[in-house]
Protein backbone atom coordinates (compact mmCIF):
# COMPACT_ATOMS: atom_id res chain seq x y z
CA UNK A 1 11.40 -1.51 3.34
CA UNK A 2 12.68 -1.34 -0.22
CA UNK A 3 10.89 0.04 -3.23
CA UNK A 4 11.79 0.15 -6.83
CA UNK A 5 9.19 1.71 -9.17
CA UNK A 6 6.46 -0.90 -9.29
CA UNK A 7 8.04 -3.19 -6.78
CA UNK A 8 7.58 -3.00 -3.02
CA UNK A 9 9.08 -5.21 -0.40
CA UNK A 10 9.22 -5.40 3.36
CA UNK A 11 10.99 -7.87 5.66
CA UNK A 12 8.85 -9.87 8.10
CA UNK A 13 10.07 -7.74 11.03
CA UNK A 14 8.98 -4.37 9.66
CA UNK A 15 6.28 -2.41 11.55
CA UNK A 16 4.30 -1.66 8.38
CA UNK A 17 3.18 -5.27 8.36
CA UNK A 18 1.23 -4.56 11.58
CA UNK A 19 -0.40 -1.40 10.23
CA UNK A 20 -4.19 -1.60 10.00
CA UNK A 21 -4.22 -0.56 6.32
CA UNK A 22 -1.66 -3.26 5.46
CA UNK A 23 -3.88 -5.81 7.18
CA UNK A 24 -6.97 -4.46 5.34
CA UNK A 25 -5.51 -4.83 1.85
CA UNK A 26 -3.32 -7.87 2.45
CA UNK A 27 -6.46 -9.93 2.96
CA UNK A 28 -7.75 -9.11 -0.55
CA UNK A 29 -6.71 -10.15 -4.03
CA UNK A 30 -5.55 -7.40 -6.39
CA UNK A 31 -8.84 -7.82 -8.31
CA UNK A 32 -10.83 -7.09 -5.16
CA UNK A 33 -8.96 -3.92 -4.27
CA UNK A 34 -10.80 -0.76 -5.25
CA UNK A 35 -8.34 1.97 -6.21
CA UNK A 36 -10.68 4.73 -4.93
CA UNK A 37 -10.69 3.06 -1.50
CA UNK A 38 -6.89 3.04 -1.45
CA UNK A 39 -6.81 6.67 -2.55
CA UNK A 40 -9.21 7.64 0.22
CA UNK A 41 -7.08 5.80 2.77
CA UNK A 42 -3.94 7.40 1.48
CA UNK A 43 -5.50 10.86 1.63
CA UNK A 44 -6.26 10.34 5.33
CA UNK A 45 -2.64 9.71 6.27
CA UNK A 46 -0.59 12.48 7.81
CA UNK A 47 2.45 13.40 5.63
CA UNK A 48 5.21 12.51 8.15
CA UNK A 49 8.37 10.40 8.08
CA UNK A 50 6.52 7.87 10.28
CA UNK A 51 4.00 7.26 7.48
CA UNK A 52 6.55 6.59 4.74
CA UNK A 53 6.27 2.84 4.78
CA UNK A 54 2.42 2.62 4.68
CA UNK A 55 2.29 5.37 1.96
CA UNK A 56 4.82 3.35 -0.12
CA UNK A 57 2.68 0.26 0.32
CA UNK A 58 -0.52 2.00 -0.71
CA UNK A 59 1.20 3.60 -3.69
CA UNK A 60 2.40 0.18 -4.78
CA UNK A 61 -1.17 -1.08 -4.49
CA UNK A 62 -2.34 1.71 -6.78
CA UNK A 63 0.41 1.12 -9.33
CA UNK A 64 -0.21 -2.61 -9.35
CA UNK A 65 -4.00 -2.37 -9.66
CA UNK A 66 -3.56 0.13 -12.51
CA UNK A 67 -1.99 -2.68 -14.55
CA UNK A 68 -5.22 -4.58 -14.25
CA UNK A 69 -7.15 -1.72 -15.77
CA UNK A 70 -4.98 -1.50 -18.88
């Protein structure tokens, strides 16, 4: 996983791509994603090193959807 400010990237072999929250949001367009839903999902994740990748993905979703609100 690599992240640079607004950008987020994962290779096809990374475990985050199998995470249920990745699957949930990857099936939506950015316009369909509700930031409050993402925030609620992020709030329910334990703050461990094992959750780094999915937290980075959700944070990227929030930053990207914020651009649509400007």
